[in-house]
Amino acid sequence: MPHIQVTLVKGRSTEQKRRTAQRLTEVLSEEAQVEPKYISVAFVEVEADGFAEAGELVLDRRRREGKG
């Protein structure tokens, strides 16, 4: 029973998460030859100050780039 966990900064819509779960399930089902009914997907949403990329908080990068 494969499980996919996606950690991302808050802000995606329900529809975006729905489509993402569908696509991830399709790909894993095809590549791992697992029936979709056995695949689960969890979205873990974090605040922008709780996630860093390349050693920089997303919050700080967004501020530096003028994106919030």
PDB file of N, CA and C in Angstrom:
ATOM      1  N   MET A   1       0.837  -1.177   0.000  1.00  0.00           N
ATOM      2  CA  MET A   1       0.000   0.000   0.000  1.00  0.00           C
ATOM      3  C   MET A   1       0.884   1.243   0.000  1.00  0.00           C
ATOM      4  N   PRO A   2       1.235   1.748  -1.167  1.00  0.00           N
ATOM      5  CA  PRO A   2       2.069   2.939  -1.248  1.00  0.00           C
ATOM      6  C   PRO A   2       1.356   4.169  -0.687  1.00  0.00           C
ATOM      7  N   HIS A   3       2.148   4.994  -0.052  1.00  0.00           N
ATOM      8  CA  HIS A   3       1.634   6.252   0.480  1.00  0.00           C
ATOM      9  C   HIS A   3       2.563   7.369   0.011  1.00  0.00           C
ATOM     10  N   ILE A   4       1.972   8.437  -0.503  1.00  0.00           N
ATOM     11  CA  ILE A   4       2.728   9.604  -0.947  1.00  0.00           C
ATOM     12  C   ILE A   4       2.417  10.749   0.002  1.00  0.00           C
ATOM     13  N   GLN A   5       3.449  11.382   0.524  1.00  0.00           N
ATOM     14  CA  GLN A   5       3.250  12.554   1.372  1.00  0.00           C
ATOM     15  C   GLN A   5       3.860  13.760   0.669  1.00  0.00           C
ATOM     16  N   VAL A   6       3.063  14.791   0.496  1.00  0.00           N
ATOM     17  CA  VAL A   6       3.486  16.004  -0.179  1.00  0.00           C
ATOM     18  C   VAL A   6       3.484  17.129   0.841  1.00  0.00           C
ATOM     19  N   THR A   7       4.651  17.707   1.074  1.00  0.00           N
ATOM     20  CA  THR A   7       4.755  18.846   1.979  1.00  0.00           C
ATOM     21  C   THR A   7       4.896  20.099   1.136  1.00  0.00           C
ATOM     22  N   LEU A   8       4.036  21.076   1.401  1.00  0.00           N
ATOM     23  CA  LEU A   8       4.080  22.317   0.635  1.00  0.00           C
ATOM     24  C   LEU A   8       3.632  23.490   1.497  1.00  0.00           C
ATOM     25  N   VAL A   9       3.998  24.658   1.034  1.00  0.00           N
ATOM     26  CA  VAL A   9       3.588  25.879   1.726  1.00  0.00           C
ATOM     27  C   VAL A   9       2.104  26.095   1.463  1.00  0.00           C
ATOM     28  N   LYS A  10       1.371  26.499   2.485  1.00  0.00           N
ATOM     29  CA  LYS A  10      -0.073  26.732   2.364  1.00  0.00           C
ATOM     30  C   LYS A  10      -0.370  27.682   1.212  1.00  0.00           C
ATOM     31  N   GLY A  11      -1.536  27.479   0.619  1.00  0.00           N
ATOM     32  CA  GLY A  11      -1.966  28.409  -0.413  1.00  0.00           C
ATOM     33  C   GLY A  11      -2.579  27.759  -1.638  1.00  0.00           C
ATOM     34  N   ARG A  12      -2.513  26.429  -1.736  1.00  0.00           N
ATOM     35  CA  ARG A  12      -3.127  25.767  -2.891  1.00  0.00           C
ATOM     36  C   ARG A  12      -4.610  25.575  -2.642  1.00  0.00           C
ATOM     37  N   SER A  13      -5.371  25.643  -3.709  1.00  0.00           N
ATOM     38  CA  SER A  13      -6.814  25.441  -3.596  1.00  0.00           C
ATOM     39  C   SER A  13      -7.130  23.950  -3.474  1.00  0.00           C
ATOM     40  N   THR A  14      -8.339  23.665  -3.059  1.00  0.00           N
ATOM     41  CA  THR A  14      -8.788  22.275  -2.987  1.00  0.00           C
ATOM     42  C   THR A  14      -8.716  21.630  -4.359  1.00  0.00           C
ATOM     43  N   GLU A  15      -9.089  22.359  -5.384  1.00  0.00           N
ATOM     44  CA  GLU A  15      -9.055  21.811  -6.739  1.00  0.00           C
ATOM     45  C   GLU A  15      -7.618  21.492  -7.159  1.00  0.00           C
ATOM     46  N   GLN A  16      -6.663  22.344  -6.820  1.00  0.00           N
ATOM     47  CA  GLN A  16      -5.265  22.055  -7.151  1.00  0.00           C
ATOM     48  C   GLN A  16      -4.798  20.779  -6.453  1.00  0.00           C
ATOM     49  N   LYS A  17      -5.157  20.631  -5.187  1.00  0.00           N
ATOM     50  CA  LYS A  17      -4.768  19.428  -4.450  1.00  0.00           C
ATOM     51  C   LYS A  17      -5.476  18.197  -5.011  1.00  0.00           C
ATOM     52  N   ARG A  18      -6.702  18.339  -5.412  1.00  0.00           N
ATOM     53  CA  ARG A  18      -7.456  17.232  -6.008  1.00  0.00           C
ATOM     54  C   ARG A  18      -6.760  16.738  -7.280  1.00  0.00           C
ATOM     55  N   ARG A  19      -6.412  17.678  -8.158  1.00  0.00           N
ATOM     56  CA  ARG A  19      -5.744  17.309  -9.413  1.00  0.00           C
ATOM     57  C   ARG A  19      -4.365  16.706  -9.152  1.00  0.00           C
ATOM     58  N   THR A  20      -3.653  17.260  -8.194  1.00  0.00           N
ATOM     59  CA  THR A  20      -2.332  16.740  -7.856  1.00  0.00           C
ATOM     60  C   THR A  20      -2.431  15.309  -7.346  1.00  0.00           C
ATOM     61  N   ALA A  21      -3.375  15.051  -6.463  1.00  0.00           N
ATOM     62  CA  ALA A  21      -3.564  13.695  -5.933  1.00  0.00           C
ATOM     63  C   ALA A  21      -3.906  12.723  -7.063  1.00  0.00           C
ATOM     64  N   GLN A  22      -4.747  13.148  -7.981  1.00  0.00           N
ATOM     65  CA  GLN A  22      -5.125  12.284  -9.099  1.00  0.00           C
ATOM     66  C   GLN A  22      -3.921  11.952  -9.974  1.00  0.00           C
ATOM     67  N   ARG A  23      -3.146  12.978 -10.287  1.00  0.00           N
ATOM     68  CA  ARG A  23      -1.973  12.767 -11.161  1.00  0.00           C
ATOM     69  C   ARG A  23      -0.915  11.904 -10.488  1.00  0.00           C
ATOM     70  N   LEU A  24      -0.629  12.184  -9.213  1.00  0.00           N
ATOM     71  CA  LEU A  24       0.367  11.390  -8.499  1.00  0.00           C
ATOM     72  C   LEU A  24      -0.062   9.924  -8.428  1.00  0.00           C
ATOM     73  N   THR A  25      -1.345   9.716  -8.173  1.00  0.00           N
ATOM     74  CA  THR A  25      -1.874   8.352  -8.103  1.00  0.00           C
ATOM     75  C   THR A  25      -1.747   7.653  -9.453  1.00  0.00           C
ATOM     76  N   GLU A  26      -2.077   8.357 -10.526  1.00  0.00           N
ATOM     77  CA  GLU A  26      -1.964   7.778 -11.863  1.00  0.00           C
ATOM     78  C   GLU A  26      -0.529   7.349 -12.163  1.00  0.00           C
ATOM     79  N   VAL A  27       0.415   8.237 -11.898  1.00  0.00           N
ATOM     80  CA  VAL A  27       1.817   7.949 -12.213  1.00  0.00           C
ATOM     81  C   VAL A  27       2.337   6.786 -11.377  1.00  0.00           C
ATOM     82  N   LEU A  28       2.089   6.810 -10.079  1.00  0.00           N
ATOM     83  CA  LEU A  28       2.581   5.729  -9.227  1.00  0.00           C
ATOM     84  C   LEU A  28       1.929   4.402  -9.599  1.00  0.00           C
ATOM     85  N   SER A  29       0.661   4.436  -9.927  1.00  0.00           N
ATOM     86  CA  SER A  29      -0.040   3.225 -10.328  1.00  0.00           C
ATOM     87  C   SER A  29       0.603   2.629 -11.577  1.00  0.00           C
ATOM     88  N   GLU A  30       0.879   3.480 -12.551  1.00  0.00           N
ATOM     89  CA  GLU A  30       1.495   3.015 -13.796  1.00  0.00           C
ATOM     90  C   GLU A  30       2.919   2.514 -13.572  1.00  0.00           C
ATOM     91  N   GLU A  31       3.719   3.300 -12.888  1.00  0.00           N
ATOM     92  CA  GLU A  31       5.139   2.981 -12.745  1.00  0.00           C
ATOM     93  C   GLU A  31       5.406   1.844 -11.759  1.00  0.00           C
ATOM     94  N   ALA A  32       4.635   1.746 -10.689  1.00  0.00           N
ATOM     95  CA  ALA A  32       4.859   0.717  -9.680  1.00  0.00           C
ATOM     96  C   ALA A  32       3.918  -0.475  -9.857  1.00  0.00           C
ATOM     97  N   GLN A  33       3.044  -0.359 -10.849  1.00  0.00           N
ATOM     98  CA  GLN A  33       2.070  -1.417 -11.139  1.00  0.00           C
ATOM     99  C   GLN A  33       1.265  -1.772  -9.884  1.00  0.00           C
ATOM    100  N   VAL A  34       0.652  -0.731  -9.315  1.00  0.00           N
ATOM    101  CA  VAL A  34      -0.190  -0.865  -8.123  1.00  0.00           C
ATOM    102  C   VAL A  34      -1.568  -0.324  -8.474  1.00  0.00           C
ATOM    103  N   GLU A  35      -2.594  -1.007  -8.053  1.00  0.00           N
ATOM    104  CA  GLU A  35      -3.945  -0.508  -8.307  1.00  0.00           C
ATOM    105  C   GLU A  35      -4.154   0.810  -7.553  1.00  0.00           C
ATOM    106  N   PRO A  36      -4.783   1.795  -8.196  1.00  0.00           N
ATOM    107  CA  PRO A  36      -4.998   3.092  -7.556  1.00  0.00           C
ATOM    108  C   PRO A  36      -5.686   3.009  -6.195  1.00  0.00           C
ATOM    109  N   LYS A  37      -6.554   2.021  -6.011  1.00  0.00           N
ATOM    110  CA  LYS A  37      -7.288   1.927  -4.744  1.00  0.00           C
ATOM    111  C   LYS A  37      -6.360   1.665  -3.567  1.00  0.00           C
ATOM    112  N   TYR A  38      -5.133   1.242  -3.824  1.00  0.00           N
ATOM    113  CA  TYR A  38      -4.190   0.964  -2.744  1.00  0.00           C
ATOM    114  C   TYR A  38      -3.222   2.124  -2.478  1.00  0.00           C
ATOM    115  N   ILE A  39      -3.355   3.208  -3.217  1.00  0.00           N
ATOM    116  CA  ILE A  39      -2.439   4.348  -3.093  1.00  0.00           C
ATOM    117  C   ILE A  39      -3.115   5.468  -2.300  1.00  0.00           C
ATOM    118  N   SER A  40      -2.420   5.964  -1.298  1.00  0.00           N
ATOM    119  CA  SER A  40      -2.945   7.105  -0.535  1.00  0.00           C
ATOM    120  C   SER A  40      -2.003   8.291  -0.700  1.00  0.00           C
ATOM    121  N   VAL A  41      -2.577   9.479  -0.601  1.00  0.00           N
ATOM    122  CA  VAL A  41      -1.817  10.728  -0.729  1.00  0.00           C
ATOM    123  C   VAL A  41      -2.204  11.638   0.427  1.00  0.00           C
ATOM    124  N   ALA A  42      -1.206  12.211   1.087  1.00  0.00           N
ATOM    125  CA  ALA A  42      -1.461  13.162   2.168  1.00  0.00           C
ATOM    126  C   ALA A  42      -0.757  14.474   1.843  1.00  0.00           C
ATOM    127  N   PHE A  43      -1.462  15.559   2.052  1.00  0.00           N
ATOM    128  CA  PHE A  43      -0.879  16.891   1.885  1.00  0.00           C
ATOM    129  C   PHE A  43      -0.594  17.455   3.269  1.00  0.00           C
ATOM    130  N   VAL A  44       0.649  17.817   3.497  1.00  0.00           N
ATOM    131  CA  VAL A  44       1.056  18.447   4.746  1.00  0.00           C
ATOM    132  C   VAL A  44       1.367  19.894   4.399  1.00  0.00           C
ATOM    133  N   GLU A  45       0.524  20.789   4.884  1.00  0.00           N
ATOM    134  CA  GLU A  45       0.690  22.196   4.556  1.00  0.00           C
ATOM    135  C   GLU A  45       1.370  22.923   5.718  1.00  0.00           C
ATOM    136  N   VAL A  46       2.395  23.685   5.375  1.00  0.00           N
ATOM    137  CA  VAL A  46       3.137  24.430   6.382  1.00  0.00           C
ATOM    138  C   VAL A  46       3.086  25.921   6.063  1.00  0.00           C
ATOM    139  N   GLU A  47       3.307  26.722   7.069  1.00  0.00           N
ATOM    140  CA  GLU A  47       3.376  28.170   6.878  1.00  0.00           C
ATOM    141  C   GLU A  47       4.676  28.510   6.144  1.00  0.00           C
ATOM    142  N   ALA A  48       4.724  29.669   5.535  1.00  0.00           N
ATOM    143  CA  ALA A  48       5.904  30.092   4.781  1.00  0.00           C
ATOM    144  C   ALA A  48       7.137  30.231   5.669  1.00  0.00           C
ATOM    145  N   ASP A  49       6.937  30.418   6.975  1.00  0.00           N
ATOM    146  CA  ASP A  49       8.095  30.506   7.869  1.00  0.00           C
ATOM    147  C   ASP A  49       8.485  29.134   8.420  1.00  0.00           C
ATOM    148  N   GLY A  50       7.828  28.086   7.949  1.00  0.00           N
ATOM    149  CA  GLY A  50       8.127  26.737   8.404  1.00  0.00           C
ATOM    150  C   GLY A  50       8.713  25.863   7.311  1.00  0.00           C
ATOM    151  N   PHE A  51       9.137  26.472   6.216  1.00  0.00           N
ATOM    152  CA  PHE A  51       9.668  25.720   5.082  1.00  0.00           C
ATOM    153  C   PHE A  51      10.811  26.517   4.480  1.00  0.00           C
ATOM    154  N   ALA A  52      11.906  25.856   4.201  1.00  0.00           N
ATOM    155  CA  ALA A  52      13.076  26.534   3.620  1.00  0.00           C
ATOM    156  C   ALA A  52      13.510  25.814   2.356  1.00  0.00           C
ATOM    157  N   GLU A  53      14.034  26.588   1.415  1.00  0.00           N
ATOM    158  CA  GLU A  53      14.605  26.048   0.182  1.00  0.00           C
ATOM    159  C   GLU A  53      15.990  26.664   0.030  1.00  0.00           C
ATOM    160  N   ALA A  54      16.965  25.850  -0.231  1.00  0.00           N
ATOM    161  CA  ALA A  54      18.344  26.310  -0.411  1.00  0.00           C
ATOM    162  C   ALA A  54      18.813  27.133   0.788  1.00  0.00           C
ATOM    163  N   GLY A  55      18.376  26.741   1.976  1.00  0.00           N
ATOM    164  CA  GLY A  55      18.813  27.400   3.200  1.00  0.00           C
ATOM    165  C   GLY A  55      18.115  28.695   3.530  1.00  0.00           C
ATOM    166  N   GLU A  56      17.090  29.045   2.782  1.00  0.00           N
ATOM    167  CA  GLU A  56      16.375  30.303   3.000  1.00  0.00           C
ATOM    168  C   GLU A  56      14.899  30.016   3.243  1.00  0.00           C
ATOM    169  N   LEU A  57      14.335  30.612   4.299  1.00  0.00           N
ATOM    170  CA  LEU A  57      12.910  30.455   4.543  1.00  0.00           C
ATOM    171  C   LEU A  57      12.125  30.962   3.347  1.00  0.00           C
ATOM    172  N   VAL A  58      11.070  30.249   3.003  1.00  0.00           N
ATOM    173  CA  VAL A  58      10.216  30.682   1.898  1.00  0.00           C
ATOM    174  C   VAL A  58       9.661  32.072   2.193  1.00  0.00           C
ATOM    175  N   LEU A  59       9.315  32.334   3.446  1.00  0.00           N
ATOM    176  CA  LEU A  59       8.811  33.642   3.852  1.00  0.00           C
ATOM    177  C   LEU A  59       9.802  34.743   3.485  1.00  0.00           C
ATOM    178  N   ASP A  60      11.073  34.539   3.802  1.00  0.00           N
ATOM    179  CA  ASP A  60      12.102  35.542   3.501  1.00  0.00           C
ATOM    180  C   ASP A  60      12.303  35.710   2.002  1.00  0.00           C
ATOM    181  N   ARG A  61      12.311  34.600   1.261  1.00  0.00           N
ATOM    182  CA  ARG A  61      12.466  34.680  -0.188  1.00  0.00           C
ATOM    183  C   ARG A  61      11.316  35.441  -0.825  1.00  0.00           C
ATOM    184  N   ARG A  62      10.099  35.144  -0.372  1.00  0.00           N
ATOM    185  CA  ARG A  62       8.929  35.842  -0.931  1.00  0.00           C
ATOM    186  C   ARG A  62       9.000  37.338  -0.645  1.00  0.00           C
ATOM    187  N   ARG A  63       9.397  37.694   0.547  1.00  0.00           N
ATOM    188  CA  ARG A  63       9.523  39.114   0.885  1.00  0.00           C
ATOM    189  C   ARG A  63      10.583  39.786   0.021  1.00  0.00           C
ATOM    190  N   ARG A  64      11.715  39.090  -0.153  1.00  0.00           N
ATOM    191  CA  ARG A  64      12.800  39.639  -0.953  1.00  0.00           C
ATOM    192  C   ARG A  64      12.365  39.830  -2.395  1.00  0.00           C
ATOM    193  N   GLU A  65      11.554  38.914  -2.892  1.00  0.00           N
ATOM    194  CA  GLU A  65      11.076  38.979  -4.279  1.00  0.00           C
ATOM    195  C   GLU A  65       9.816  39.816  -4.434  1.00  0.00           C
ATOM    196  N   GLY A  66       9.321  40.366  -3.319  1.00  0.00           N
ATOM    197  CA  GLY A  66       8.126  41.193  -3.365  1.00  0.00           C
ATOM    198  C   GLY A  66       6.841  40.414  -3.594  1.00  0.00           C
ATOM    199  N   LYS A  67       6.807  39.168  -3.135  1.00  0.00           N
ATOM    200  CA  LYS A  67       5.634  38.314  -3.341  1.00  0.00           C
ATOM    201  C   LYS A  67       4.846  38.053  -2.068  1.00  0.00           C
ATOM    202  N   GLY A  68       4.992  38.874  -1.101  1.00  0.00           N
ATOM    203  CA  GLY A  68       4.171  38.681   0.085  1.00  0.00           C
ATOM    204  C   GLY A  68       4.964  38.571   1.308  1.00  0.00           C
TER     205      GLY A  68
END
